Amino acid sequence: MKILLIDDTAQVRDSLKPVLKKLAYRNEDILEAGCDQQAVQLIAAHQPDIIVTDAKLLLLSGELLAGRDSCPHSRIIVTSSHEFVLDAFCRGGMDSLQKPIDEGKLEDLLRIGAMG
């Protein structure tokens, strides 16, 4: 299973990688993007199963949303430090996690995503 981490802060991406490795994801299955353009390229090239993205990048990037059309099967997990932003995404049918990210909740969402 391929997972794409999208966040403009390397520290956030770096903090999530150990959680993914603990869940037995291999390095080659963990993709990273620090901006929307890079994310769009990775989505097109790798068709990730799960996309964990910062809400700000998702909201500000029409390109990222358009790139999503190339892999509609991907489960999206939106992250933000603002609860009201996450509420809006939840009402839209997306999973969400509040920053700082709770590792247990991330693990639960990844397991659900792995089951399809």
PDB file of N, CA and C in Angstrom:
ATOM      1  N   MET A   1       0.841  -1.163   0.000  1.00  0.00           N
ATOM      2  CA  MET A   1       0.000   0.000   0.000  1.00  0.00           C
ATOM      3  C   MET A   1       0.895   1.238   0.000  1.00  0.00           C
ATOM      4  N   LYS A   2       0.610   2.170  -0.885  1.00  0.00           N
ATOM      5  CA  LYS A   2       1.373   3.414  -0.982  1.00  0.00           C
ATOM      6  C   LYS A   2       0.644   4.519  -0.229  1.00  0.00           C
ATOM      7  N   ILE A   3       1.423   5.293   0.538  1.00  0.00           N
ATOM      8  CA  ILE A   3       0.888   6.411   1.305  1.00  0.00           C
ATOM      9  C   ILE A   3       1.648   7.664   0.913  1.00  0.00           C
ATOM     10  N   LEU A   4       0.913   8.731   0.612  1.00  0.00           N
ATOM     11  CA  LEU A   4       1.509  10.015   0.269  1.00  0.00           C
ATOM     12  C   LEU A   4       1.271  10.992   1.409  1.00  0.00           C
ATOM     13  N   LEU A   5       2.364  11.533   1.969  1.00  0.00           N
ATOM     14  CA  LEU A   5       2.292  12.562   3.001  1.00  0.00           C
ATOM     15  C   LEU A   5       2.494  13.916   2.340  1.00  0.00           C
ATOM     16  N   ILE A   6       1.531  14.822   2.500  1.00  0.00           N
ATOM     17  CA  ILE A   6       1.639  16.156   1.912  1.00  0.00           C
ATOM     18  C   ILE A   6       1.563  17.179   3.034  1.00  0.00           C
ATOM     19  N   ASP A   7       2.663  17.875   3.260  1.00  0.00           N
ATOM     20  CA  ASP A   7       2.696  18.958   4.248  1.00  0.00           C
ATOM     21  C   ASP A   7       3.871  19.848   3.894  1.00  0.00           C
ATOM     22  N   ASP A   8       3.672  21.160   4.004  1.00  0.00           N
ATOM     23  CA  ASP A   8       4.751  22.074   3.653  1.00  0.00           C
ATOM     24  C   ASP A   8       5.797  22.192   4.759  1.00  0.00           C
ATOM     25  N   THR A   9       5.592  21.505   5.874  1.00  0.00           N
ATOM     26  CA  THR A   9       6.551  21.510   6.974  1.00  0.00           C
ATOM     27  C   THR A   9       7.222  20.142   7.061  1.00  0.00           C
ATOM     28  N   ALA A  10       8.526  20.124   6.792  1.00  0.00           N
ATOM     29  CA  ALA A  10       9.272  18.861   6.811  1.00  0.00           C
ATOM     30  C   ALA A  10       9.195  18.195   8.180  1.00  0.00           C
ATOM     31  N   GLN A  11       9.164  18.980   9.239  1.00  0.00           N
ATOM     32  CA  GLN A  11       9.099  18.432  10.594  1.00  0.00           C
ATOM     33  C   GLN A  11       7.829  17.595  10.788  1.00  0.00           C
ATOM     34  N   VAL A  12       6.722  18.046  10.231  1.00  0.00           N
ATOM     35  CA  VAL A  12       5.469  17.288  10.337  1.00  0.00           C
ATOM     36  C   VAL A  12       5.599  15.972   9.582  1.00  0.00           C
ATOM     37  N   ARG A  13       6.109  16.043   8.348  1.00  0.00           N
ATOM     38  CA  ARG A  13       6.291  14.811   7.570  1.00  0.00           C
ATOM     39  C   ARG A  13       7.232  13.849   8.291  1.00  0.00           C
ATOM     40  N   ASP A  14       8.319  14.388   8.826  1.00  0.00           N
ATOM     41  CA  ASP A  14       9.297  13.549   9.522  1.00  0.00           C
ATOM     42  C   ASP A  14       8.712  12.903  10.775  1.00  0.00           C
ATOM     43  N   SER A  15       7.772  13.581  11.422  1.00  0.00           N
ATOM     44  CA  SER A  15       7.171  13.018  12.636  1.00  0.00           C
ATOM     45  C   SER A  15       6.200  11.881  12.318  1.00  0.00           C
ATOM     46  N   LEU A  16       5.658  11.864  11.107  1.00  0.00           N
ATOM     47  CA  LEU A  16       4.702  10.818  10.727  1.00  0.00           C
ATOM     48  C   LEU A  16       5.383   9.553  10.213  1.00  0.00           C
ATOM     49  N   LYS A  17       6.563   9.689   9.644  1.00  0.00           N
ATOM     50  CA  LYS A  17       7.243   8.525   9.065  1.00  0.00           C
ATOM     51  C   LYS A  17       7.512   7.401  10.066  1.00  0.00           C
ATOM     52  N   PRO A  18       7.964   7.691  11.294  1.00  0.00           N
ATOM     53  CA  PRO A  18       8.180   6.590  12.242  1.00  0.00           C
ATOM     54  C   PRO A  18       6.897   5.825  12.575  1.00  0.00           C
ATOM     55  N   VAL A  19       5.782   6.528  12.614  1.00  0.00           N
ATOM     56  CA  VAL A  19       4.497   5.871  12.872  1.00  0.00           C
ATOM     57  C   VAL A  19       4.197   4.891  11.742  1.00  0.00           C
ATOM     58  N   LEU A  20       4.408   5.330  10.513  1.00  0.00           N
ATOM     59  CA  LEU A  20       4.152   4.468   9.361  1.00  0.00           C
ATOM     60  C   LEU A  20       5.097   3.267   9.352  1.00  0.00           C
ATOM     61  N   LYS A  21       6.355   3.504   9.685  1.00  0.00           N
ATOM     62  CA  LYS A  21       7.319   2.398   9.723  1.00  0.00           C
ATOM     63  C   LYS A  21       6.954   1.395  10.811  1.00  0.00           C
ATOM     64  N   LYS A  22       6.457   1.912  11.932  1.00  0.00           N
ATOM     65  CA  LYS A  22       6.037   1.033  13.022  1.00  0.00           C
ATOM     66  C   LYS A  22       4.886   0.131  12.575  1.00  0.00           C
ATOM     67  N   LEU A  23       4.083   0.622  11.653  1.00  0.00           N
ATOM     68  CA  LEU A  23       2.968  -0.161  11.124  1.00  0.00           C
ATOM     69  C   LEU A  23       3.401  -1.062   9.972  1.00  0.00           C
ATOM     70  N   ALA A  24       4.719  -1.187   9.789  1.00  0.00           N
ATOM     71  CA  ALA A  24       5.319  -2.094   8.806  1.00  0.00           C
ATOM     72  C   ALA A  24       5.249  -1.587   7.374  1.00  0.00           C
ATOM     73  N   TYR A  25       5.050  -0.289   7.193  1.00  0.00           N
ATOM     74  CA  TYR A  25       5.149   0.257   5.844  1.00  0.00           C
ATOM     75  C   TYR A  25       6.627   0.424   5.515  1.00  0.00           C
ATOM     76  N   ARG A  26       7.001   0.026   4.327  1.00  0.00           N
ATOM     77  CA  ARG A  26       8.391   0.135   3.909  1.00  0.00           C
ATOM     78  C   ARG A  26       8.668   1.550   3.415  1.00  0.00           C
ATOM     79  N   ASN A  27       9.940   1.953   3.439  1.00  0.00           N
ATOM     80  CA  ASN A  27      10.319   3.294   2.984  1.00  0.00           C
ATOM     81  C   ASN A  27       9.817   3.585   1.579  1.00  0.00           C
ATOM     82  N   GLU A  28       9.894   2.583   0.707  1.00  0.00           N
ATOM     83  CA  GLU A  28       9.491   2.816  -0.682  1.00  0.00           C
ATOM     84  C   GLU A  28       7.978   2.977  -0.827  1.00  0.00           C
ATOM     85  N   ASP A  29       7.233   2.639   0.210  1.00  0.00           N
ATOM     86  CA  ASP A  29       5.779   2.805   0.179  1.00  0.00           C
ATOM     87  C   ASP A  29       5.325   4.143   0.755  1.00  0.00           C
ATOM     88  N   ILE A  30       6.272   4.908   1.297  1.00  0.00           N
ATOM     89  CA  ILE A  30       5.954   6.200   1.892  1.00  0.00           C
ATOM     90  C   ILE A  30       6.489   7.295   0.982  1.00  0.00           C
ATOM     91  N   LEU A  31       5.581   8.044   0.389  1.00  0.00           N
ATOM     92  CA  LEU A  31       5.939   9.137  -0.505  1.00  0.00           C
ATOM     93  C   LEU A  31       5.731  10.454   0.230  1.00  0.00           C
ATOM     94  N   GLU A  32       6.533  11.466  -0.113  1.00  0.00           N
ATOM     95  CA  GLU A  32       6.425  12.763   0.550  1.00  0.00           C
ATOM     96  C   GLU A  32       6.376  13.892  -0.459  1.00  0.00           C
ATOM     97  N   ALA A  33       5.560  14.893  -0.142  1.00  0.00           N
ATOM     98  CA  ALA A  33       5.504  16.106  -0.952  1.00  0.00           C
ATOM     99  C   ALA A  33       5.445  17.304  -0.015  1.00  0.00           C
ATOM    100  N   GLY A  34       6.256  18.311  -0.329  1.00  0.00           N
ATOM    101  CA  GLY A  34       6.280  19.527   0.470  1.00  0.00           C
ATOM    102  C   GLY A  34       5.479  20.656  -0.136  1.00  0.00           C
ATOM    103  N   CYS A  35       4.922  20.419  -1.335  1.00  0.00           N
ATOM    104  CA  CYS A  35       4.111  21.451  -1.991  1.00  0.00           C
ATOM    105  C   CYS A  35       3.087  20.770  -2.906  1.00  0.00           C
ATOM    106  N   ASP A  36       2.120  21.556  -3.343  1.00  0.00           N
ATOM    107  CA  ASP A  36       1.045  20.980  -4.149  1.00  0.00           C
ATOM    108  C   ASP A  36       1.523  20.473  -5.503  1.00  0.00           C
ATOM    109  N   GLN A  37       2.461  21.171  -6.134  1.00  0.00           N
ATOM    110  CA  GLN A  37       2.940  20.725  -7.448  1.00  0.00           C
ATOM    111  C   GLN A  37       3.624  19.362  -7.351  1.00  0.00           C
ATOM    112  N   GLN A  38       4.432  19.200  -6.332  1.00  0.00           N
ATOM    113  CA  GLN A  38       5.104  17.915  -6.124  1.00  0.00           C
ATOM    114  C   GLN A  38       4.075  16.823  -5.829  1.00  0.00           C
ATOM    115  N   ALA A  39       3.057  17.161  -5.056  1.00  0.00           N
ATOM    116  CA  ALA A  39       2.005  16.197  -4.722  1.00  0.00           C
ATOM    117  C   ALA A  39       1.271  15.726  -5.969  1.00  0.00           C
ATOM    118  N   VAL A  40       0.932  16.654  -6.849  1.00  0.00           N
ATOM    119  CA  VAL A  40       0.224  16.304  -8.083  1.00  0.00           C
ATOM    120  C   VAL A  40       1.061  15.337  -8.914  1.00  0.00           C
ATOM    121  N   GLN A  41       2.363  15.587  -9.013  1.00  0.00           N
ATOM    122  CA  GLN A  41       3.244  14.700  -9.771  1.00  0.00           C
ATOM    123  C   GLN A  41       3.289  13.300  -9.151  1.00  0.00           C
ATOM    124  N   LEU A  42       3.383  13.244  -7.827  1.00  0.00           N
ATOM    125  CA  LEU A  42       3.446  11.945  -7.153  1.00  0.00           C
ATOM    126  C   LEU A  42       2.130  11.184  -7.254  1.00  0.00           C
ATOM    127  N   ILE A  43       1.018  11.902  -7.180  1.00  0.00           N
ATOM    128  CA  ILE A  43      -0.289  11.256  -7.331  1.00  0.00           C
ATOM    129  C   ILE A  43      -0.402  10.622  -8.711  1.00  0.00           C
ATOM    130  N   ALA A  44      -0.013  11.365  -9.737  1.00  0.00           N
ATOM    131  CA  ALA A  44      -0.101  10.856 -11.109  1.00  0.00           C
ATOM    132  C   ALA A  44       0.833   9.665 -11.331  1.00  0.00           C
ATOM    133  N   ALA A  45       2.030   9.737 -10.761  1.00  0.00           N
ATOM    134  CA  ALA A  45       3.028   8.694 -11.004  1.00  0.00           C
ATOM    135  C   ALA A  45       2.813   7.429 -10.174  1.00  0.00           C
ATOM    136  N   HIS A  46       2.281   7.572  -8.956  1.00  0.00           N
ATOM    137  CA  HIS A  46       2.247   6.428  -8.042  1.00  0.00           C
ATOM    138  C   HIS A  46       0.860   5.961  -7.616  1.00  0.00           C
ATOM    139  N   GLN A  47      -0.173   6.739  -7.906  1.00  0.00           N
ATOM    140  CA  GLN A  47      -1.538   6.337  -7.545  1.00  0.00           C
ATOM    141  C   GLN A  47      -1.617   5.853  -6.088  1.00  0.00           C
ATOM    142  N   PRO A  48      -1.314   6.723  -5.111  1.00  0.00           N
ATOM    143  CA  PRO A  48      -1.294   6.272  -3.715  1.00  0.00           C
ATOM    144  C   PRO A  48      -2.659   5.788  -3.234  1.00  0.00           C
ATOM    145  N   ASP A  49      -2.627   4.832  -2.318  1.00  0.00           N
ATOM    146  CA  ASP A  49      -3.860   4.301  -1.740  1.00  0.00           C
ATOM    147  C   ASP A  49      -4.436   5.251  -0.693  1.00  0.00           C
ATOM    148  N   ILE A  50      -3.528   5.893   0.056  1.00  0.00           N
ATOM    149  CA  ILE A  50      -3.939   6.832   1.096  1.00  0.00           C
ATOM    150  C   ILE A  50      -3.131   8.113   0.943  1.00  0.00           C
ATOM    151  N   ILE A  51      -3.815   9.246   1.050  1.00  0.00           N
ATOM    152  CA  ILE A  51      -3.168  10.554   1.002  1.00  0.00           C
ATOM    153  C   ILE A  51      -3.428  11.239   2.335  1.00  0.00           C
ATOM    154  N   VAL A  52      -2.345  11.571   3.045  1.00  0.00           N
ATOM    155  CA  VAL A  52      -2.444  12.330   4.295  1.00  0.00           C
ATOM    156  C   VAL A  52      -1.971  13.735   3.960  1.00  0.00           C
ATOM    157  N   THR A  53      -2.888  14.717   3.993  1.00  0.00           N
ATOM    158  CA  THR A  53      -2.552  16.054   3.527  1.00  0.00           C
ATOM    159  C   THR A  53      -2.957  17.144   4.504  1.00  0.00           C
ATOM    160  N   ASP A  54      -2.142  18.162   4.557  1.00  0.00           N
ATOM    161  CA  ASP A  54      -2.467  19.354   5.328  1.00  0.00           C
ATOM    162  C   ASP A  54      -3.643  20.060   4.660  1.00  0.00           C
ATOM    163  N   ALA A  55      -4.623  20.463   5.446  1.00  0.00           N
ATOM    164  CA  ALA A  55      -5.829  21.101   4.906  1.00  0.00           C
ATOM    165  C   ALA A  55      -5.502  22.364   4.130  1.00  0.00           C
ATOM    166  N   LYS A  56      -4.529  23.123   4.611  1.00  0.00           N
ATOM    167  CA  LYS A  56      -4.178  24.382   3.953  1.00  0.00           C
ATOM    168  C   LYS A  56      -3.749  24.143   2.508  1.00  0.00           C
ATOM    169  N   LEU A  57      -2.905  23.147   2.297  1.00  0.00           N
ATOM    170  CA  LEU A  57      -2.456  22.854   0.933  1.00  0.00           C
ATOM    171  C   LEU A  57      -3.606  22.356   0.071  1.00  0.00           C
ATOM    172  N   LEU A  58      -4.470  21.562   0.645  1.00  0.00           N
ATOM    173  CA  LEU A  58      -5.610  21.043  -0.106  1.00  0.00           C
ATOM    174  C   LEU A  58      -6.570  22.167  -0.485  1.00  0.00           C
ATOM    175  N   LEU A  59      -6.817  23.079   0.446  1.00  0.00           N
ATOM    176  CA  LEU A  59      -7.752  24.180   0.192  1.00  0.00           C
ATOM    177  C   LEU A  59      -7.210  25.197  -0.802  1.00  0.00           C
ATOM    178  N   LEU A  60      -5.919  25.469  -0.729  1.00  0.00           N
ATOM    179  CA  LEU A  60      -5.334  26.524  -1.555  1.00  0.00           C
ATOM    180  C   LEU A  60      -4.970  26.066  -2.954  1.00  0.00           C
ATOM    181  N   SER A  61      -5.044  24.774  -3.192  1.00  0.00           N
ATOM    182  CA  SER A  61      -4.547  24.263  -4.463  1.00  0.00           C
ATOM    183  C   SER A  61      -5.627  23.620  -5.310  1.00  0.00           C
ATOM    184  N   GLY A  62      -6.096  24.356  -6.272  1.00  0.00           N
ATOM    185  CA  GLY A  62      -6.986  23.762  -7.258  1.00  0.00           C
ATOM    186  C   GLY A  62      -6.266  22.679  -8.034  1.00  0.00           C
ATOM    187  N   GLU A  63      -4.957  22.858  -8.212  1.00  0.00           N
ATOM    188  CA  GLU A  63      -4.161  21.872  -8.948  1.00  0.00           C
ATOM    189  C   GLU A  63      -4.133  20.539  -8.199  1.00  0.00           C
ATOM    190  N   LEU A  64      -3.990  20.605  -6.889  1.00  0.00           N
ATOM    191  CA  LEU A  64      -3.973  19.371  -6.100  1.00  0.00           C
ATOM    192  C   LEU A  64      -5.321  18.671  -6.174  1.00  0.00           C
ATOM    193  N   LEU A  65      -6.389  19.440  -6.080  1.00  0.00           N
ATOM    194  CA  LEU A  65      -7.726  18.850  -6.185  1.00  0.00           C
ATOM    195  C   LEU A  65      -7.963  18.271  -7.571  1.00  0.00           C
ATOM    196  N   ALA A  66      -7.485  18.956  -8.595  1.00  0.00           N
ATOM    197  CA  ALA A  66      -7.635  18.450  -9.964  1.00  0.00           C
ATOM    198  C   ALA A  66      -6.804  17.186 -10.154  1.00  0.00           C
ATOM    199  N   GLY A  67      -5.617  17.152  -9.563  1.00  0.00           N
ATOM    200  CA  GLY A  67      -4.762  15.974  -9.649  1.00  0.00           C
ATOM    201  C   GLY A  67      -5.396  14.771  -8.991  1.00  0.00           C
ATOM    202  N   ARG A  68      -6.243  15.015  -8.052  1.00  0.00           N
ATOM    203  CA  ARG A  68      -6.969  13.952  -7.343  1.00  0.00           C
ATOM    204  C   ARG A  68      -7.853  13.166  -8.308  1.00  0.00           C
ATOM    205  N   ASP A  69      -8.297  13.809  -9.376  1.00  0.00           N
ATOM    206  CA  ASP A  69      -9.128  13.120 -10.366  1.00  0.00           C
ATOM    207  C   ASP A  69      -8.399  11.937 -10.995  1.00  0.00           C
ATOM    208  N   SER A  70      -7.067  12.006 -11.023  1.00  0.00           N
ATOM    209  CA  SER A  70      -6.298  10.924 -11.643  1.00  0.00           C
ATOM    210  C   SER A  70      -6.210   9.691 -10.746  1.00  0.00           C
ATOM    211  N   CYS A  71      -6.639   9.797  -9.511  1.00  0.00           N
ATOM    212  CA  CYS A  71      -6.638   8.624  -8.639  1.00  0.00           C
ATOM    213  C   CYS A  71      -7.785   8.728  -7.638  1.00  0.00           C
ATOM    214  N   PRO A  72      -8.998   8.544  -8.139  1.00  0.00           N
ATOM    215  CA  PRO A  72     -10.197   8.715  -7.308  1.00  0.00           C
ATOM    216  C   PRO A  72     -10.362   7.659  -6.218  1.00  0.00           C
ATOM    217  N   HIS A  73      -9.623   6.550  -6.315  1.00  0.00           N
ATOM    218  CA  HIS A  73      -9.739   5.491  -5.308  1.00  0.00           C
ATOM    219  C   HIS A  73      -8.995   5.828  -4.014  1.00  0.00           C
ATOM    220  N   SER A  74      -8.151   6.840  -4.031  1.00  0.00           N
ATOM    221  CA  SER A  74      -7.350   7.177  -2.850  1.00  0.00           C
ATOM    222  C   SER A  74      -8.225   7.656  -1.698  1.00  0.00           C
ATOM    223  N   ARG A  75      -7.927   7.148  -0.521  1.00  0.00           N
ATOM    224  CA  ARG A  75      -8.593   7.626   0.695  1.00  0.00           C
ATOM    225  C   ARG A  75      -7.811   8.849   1.169  1.00  0.00           C
ATOM    226  N   ILE A  76      -8.505   9.925   1.520  1.00  0.00           N
ATOM    227  CA  ILE A  76      -7.847  11.155   1.948  1.00  0.00           C
ATOM    228  C   ILE A  76      -8.048  11.354   3.441  1.00  0.00           C
ATOM    229  N   ILE A  77      -6.938  11.633   4.124  1.00  0.00           N
ATOM    230  CA  ILE A  77      -6.963  12.004   5.536  1.00  0.00           C
ATOM    231  C   ILE A  77      -6.429  13.431   5.608  1.00  0.00           C
ATOM    232  N   VAL A  78      -7.263  14.348   6.068  1.00  0.00           N
ATOM    233  CA  VAL A  78      -6.909  15.768   6.130  1.00  0.00           C
ATOM    234  C   VAL A  78      -6.421  16.102   7.536  1.00  0.00           C
ATOM    235  N   THR A  79      -5.323  16.865   7.614  1.00  0.00           N
ATOM    236  CA  THR A  79      -4.794  17.294   8.906  1.00  0.00           C
ATOM    237  C   THR A  79      -4.853  18.811   9.016  1.00  0.00           C
ATOM    238  N   SER A  80      -5.083  19.286  10.229  1.00  0.00           N
ATOM    239  CA  SER A  80      -5.105  20.732  10.489  1.00  0.00           C
ATOM    240  C   SER A  80      -5.024  20.954  11.986  1.00  0.00           C
ATOM    241  N   SER A  81      -4.550  22.119  12.369  1.00  0.00           N
ATOM    242  CA  SER A  81      -4.555  22.473  13.791  1.00  0.00           C
ATOM    243  C   SER A  81      -5.851  23.178  14.165  1.00  0.00           C
ATOM    244  N   HIS A  82      -6.715  23.420  13.178  1.00  0.00           N
ATOM    245  CA  HIS A  82      -7.975  24.134  13.403  1.00  0.00           C
ATOM    246  C   HIS A  82      -9.150  23.167  13.317  1.00  0.00           C
ATOM    247  N   GLU A  83      -9.834  22.986  14.433  1.00  0.00           N
ATOM    248  CA  GLU A  83     -10.931  22.023  14.494  1.00  0.00           C
ATOM    249  C   GLU A  83     -12.070  22.365  13.537  1.00  0.00           C
ATOM    250  N   PHE A  84     -12.370  23.661  13.362  1.00  0.00           N
ATOM    251  CA  PHE A  84     -13.478  24.036  12.478  1.00  0.00           C
ATOM    252  C   PHE A  84     -13.189  23.663  11.030  1.00  0.00           C
ATOM    253  N   VAL A  85     -11.926  23.681  10.643  1.00  0.00           N
ATOM    254  CA  VAL A  85     -11.548  23.271   9.283  1.00  0.00           C
ATOM    255  C   VAL A  85     -11.787  21.771   9.123  1.00  0.00           C
ATOM    256  N   LEU A  86     -11.400  21.013  10.120  1.00  0.00           N
ATOM    257  CA  LEU A  86     -11.575  19.561  10.066  1.00  0.00           C
ATOM    258  C   LEU A  86     -13.047  19.178  10.031  1.00  0.00           C
ATOM    259  N   ASP A  87     -13.873  19.919  10.767  1.00  0.00           N
ATOM    260  CA  ASP A  87     -15.313  19.647  10.755  1.00  0.00           C
ATOM    261  C   ASP A  87     -15.881  19.757   9.347  1.00  0.00           C
ATOM    262  N   ALA A  88     -15.431  20.764   8.610  1.00  0.00           N
ATOM    263  CA  ALA A  88     -15.922  20.956   7.239  1.00  0.00           C
ATOM    264  C   ALA A  88     -15.535  19.776   6.353  1.00  0.00           C
ATOM    265  N   PHE A  89     -14.317  19.294   6.482  1.00  0.00           N
ATOM    266  CA  PHE A  89     -13.884  18.150   5.676  1.00  0.00           C
ATOM    267  C   PHE A  89     -14.639  16.883   6.070  1.00  0.00           C
ATOM    268  N   CYS A  90     -14.891  16.708   7.362  1.00  0.00           N
ATOM    269  CA  CYS A  90     -15.654  15.528   7.817  1.00  0.00           C
ATOM    270  C   CYS A  90     -17.055  15.530   7.225  1.00  0.00           C
ATOM    271  N   ARG A  91     -17.673  16.697   7.178  1.00  0.00           N
ATOM    272  CA  ARG A  91     -19.010  16.781   6.577  1.00  0.00           C
ATOM    273  C   ARG A  91     -18.957  16.455   5.092  1.00  0.00           C
ATOM    274  N   GLY A  92     -17.794  16.644   4.479  1.00  0.00           N
ATOM    275  CA  GLY A  92     -17.616  16.313   3.071  1.00  0.00           C
ATOM    276  C   GLY A  92     -17.217  14.864   2.848  1.00  0.00           C
ATOM    277  N   GLY A  93     -17.175  14.075   3.904  1.00  0.00           N
ATOM    278  CA  GLY A  93     -16.888  12.649   3.764  1.00  0.00           C
ATOM    279  C   GLY A  93     -15.427  12.266   3.851  1.00  0.00           C
ATOM    280  N   MET A  94     -14.562  13.197   4.249  1.00  0.00           N
ATOM    281  CA  MET A  94     -13.140  12.883   4.374  1.00  0.00           C
ATOM    282  C   MET A  94     -12.797  12.626   5.835  1.00  0.00           C
ATOM    283  N   ASP A  95     -11.798  11.786   6.053  1.00  0.00           N
ATOM    284  CA  ASP A  95     -11.292  11.569   7.398  1.00  0.00           C
ATOM    285  C   ASP A  95     -10.411  12.750   7.778  1.00  0.00           C
ATOM    286  N   SER A  96     -10.291  13.012   9.080  1.00  0.00           N
ATOM    287  CA  SER A  96      -9.476  14.142   9.505  1.00  0.00           C
ATOM    288  C   SER A  96      -8.774  13.852  10.818  1.00  0.00           C
ATOM    289  N   LEU A  97      -7.647  14.543  11.005  1.00  0.00           N
ATOM    290  CA  LEU A  97      -6.861  14.443  12.228  1.00  0.00           C
ATOM    291  C   LEU A  97      -6.430  15.839  12.636  1.00  0.00           C
ATOM    292  N   GLN A  98      -6.579  16.145  13.919  1.00  0.00           N
ATOM    293  CA  GLN A  98      -6.144  17.446  14.408  1.00  0.00           C
ATOM    294  C   GLN A  98      -4.666  17.378  14.781  1.00  0.00           C
ATOM    295  N   LYS A  99      -3.933  18.444  14.418  1.00  0.00           N
ATOM    296  CA  LYS A  99      -2.521  18.551  14.792  1.00  0.00           C
ATOM    297  C   LYS A  99      -2.440  19.114  16.204  1.00  0.00           C
ATOM    298  N   PRO A 100      -1.497  18.686  17.025  1.00  0.00           N
ATOM    299  CA  PRO A 100      -0.542  17.623  16.725  1.00  0.00           C
ATOM    300  C   PRO A 100      -1.262  16.278  16.586  1.00  0.00           C
ATOM    301  N   ILE A 101      -0.771  15.490  15.665  1.00  0.00           N
ATOM    302  CA  ILE A 101      -1.459  14.260  15.280  1.00  0.00           C
ATOM    303  C   ILE A 101      -1.273  13.171  16.331  1.00  0.00           C
ATOM    304  N   ASP A 102      -2.376  12.600  16.742  1.00  0.00           N
ATOM    305  CA  ASP A 102      -2.391  11.486  17.677  1.00  0.00           C
ATOM    306  C   ASP A 102      -2.036  10.215  16.900  1.00  0.00           C
ATOM    307  N   GLU A 103      -0.935   9.565  17.290  1.00  0.00           N
ATOM    308  CA  GLU A 103      -0.462   8.382  16.559  1.00  0.00           C
ATOM    309  C   GLU A 103      -1.499   7.266  16.525  1.00  0.00           C
ATOM    310  N   GLY A 104      -2.195   7.068  17.616  1.00  0.00           N
ATOM    311  CA  GLY A 104      -3.207   6.010  17.668  1.00  0.00           C
ATOM    312  C   GLY A 104      -4.336   6.250  16.691  1.00  0.00           C
ATOM    313  N   LYS A 105      -4.783   7.495  16.589  1.00  0.00           N
ATOM    314  CA  LYS A 105      -5.856   7.819  15.647  1.00  0.00           C
ATOM    315  C   LYS A 105      -5.379   7.657  14.209  1.00  0.00           C
ATOM    316  N   LEU A 106      -4.126   8.054  13.947  1.00  0.00           N
ATOM    317  CA  LEU A 106      -3.575   7.869  12.605  1.00  0.00           C
ATOM    318  C   LEU A 106      -3.520   6.382  12.269  1.00  0.00           C
ATOM    319  N   GLU A 107      -3.051   5.574  13.200  1.00  0.00           N
ATOM    320  CA  GLU A 107      -2.996   4.125  12.974  1.00  0.00           C
ATOM    321  C   GLU A 107      -4.379   3.570  12.655  1.00  0.00           C
ATOM    322  N   ASP A 108      -5.389   3.999  13.405  1.00  0.00           N
ATOM    323  CA  ASP A 108      -6.756   3.522  13.167  1.00  0.00           C
ATOM    324  C   ASP A 108      -7.230   3.876  11.764  1.00  0.00           C
ATOM    325  N   LEU A 109      -6.996   5.124  11.342  1.00  0.00           N
ATOM    326  CA  LEU A 109      -7.442   5.549  10.010  1.00  0.00           C
ATOM    327  C   LEU A 109      -6.691   4.812   8.905  1.00  0.00           C
ATOM    328  N   LEU A 110      -5.407   4.550   9.120  1.00  0.00           N
ATOM    329  CA  LEU A 110      -4.635   3.806   8.119  1.00  0.00           C
ATOM    330  C   LEU A 110      -5.128   2.364   8.008  1.00  0.00           C
ATOM    331  N   ARG A 111      -5.459   1.765   9.122  1.00  0.00           N
ATOM    332  CA  ARG A 111      -5.990   0.390   9.078  1.00  0.00           C
ATOM    333  C   ARG A 111      -7.328   0.352   8.342  1.00  0.00           C
ATOM    334  N   ILE A 112      -8.182   1.336   8.624  1.00  0.00           N
ATOM    335  CA  ILE A 112      -9.466   1.421   7.919  1.00  0.00           C
ATOM    336  C   ILE A 112      -9.222   1.608   6.427  1.00  0.00           C
ATOM    337  N   GLY A 113      -8.267   2.471   6.085  1.00  0.00           N
ATOM    338  CA  GLY A 113      -7.937   2.704   4.682  1.00  0.00           C
ATOM    339  C   GLY A 113      -7.395   1.463   4.005  1.00  0.00           C
ATOM    340  N   ALA A 114      -6.642   0.671   4.737  1.00  0.00           N
ATOM    341  CA  ALA A 114      -6.080  -0.555   4.169  1.00  0.00           C
ATOM    342  C   ALA A 114      -7.159  -1.584   3.862  1.00  0.00           C
ATOM    343  N   MET A 115      -8.247  -1.522   4.615  1.00  0.00           N
ATOM    344  CA  MET A 115      -9.347  -2.462   4.385  1.00  0.00           C
ATOM    345  C   MET A 115     -10.218  -2.044   3.213  1.00  0.00           C
ATOM    346  N   GLY A 116     -10.034  -0.804   2.756  1.00  0.00           N
ATOM    347  CA  GLY A 116     -10.797  -0.337   1.603  1.00  0.00           C
ATOM    348  C   GLY A 116     -12.023   0.321   2.038  1.00  0.00           C
TER     349      GLY A 116
END
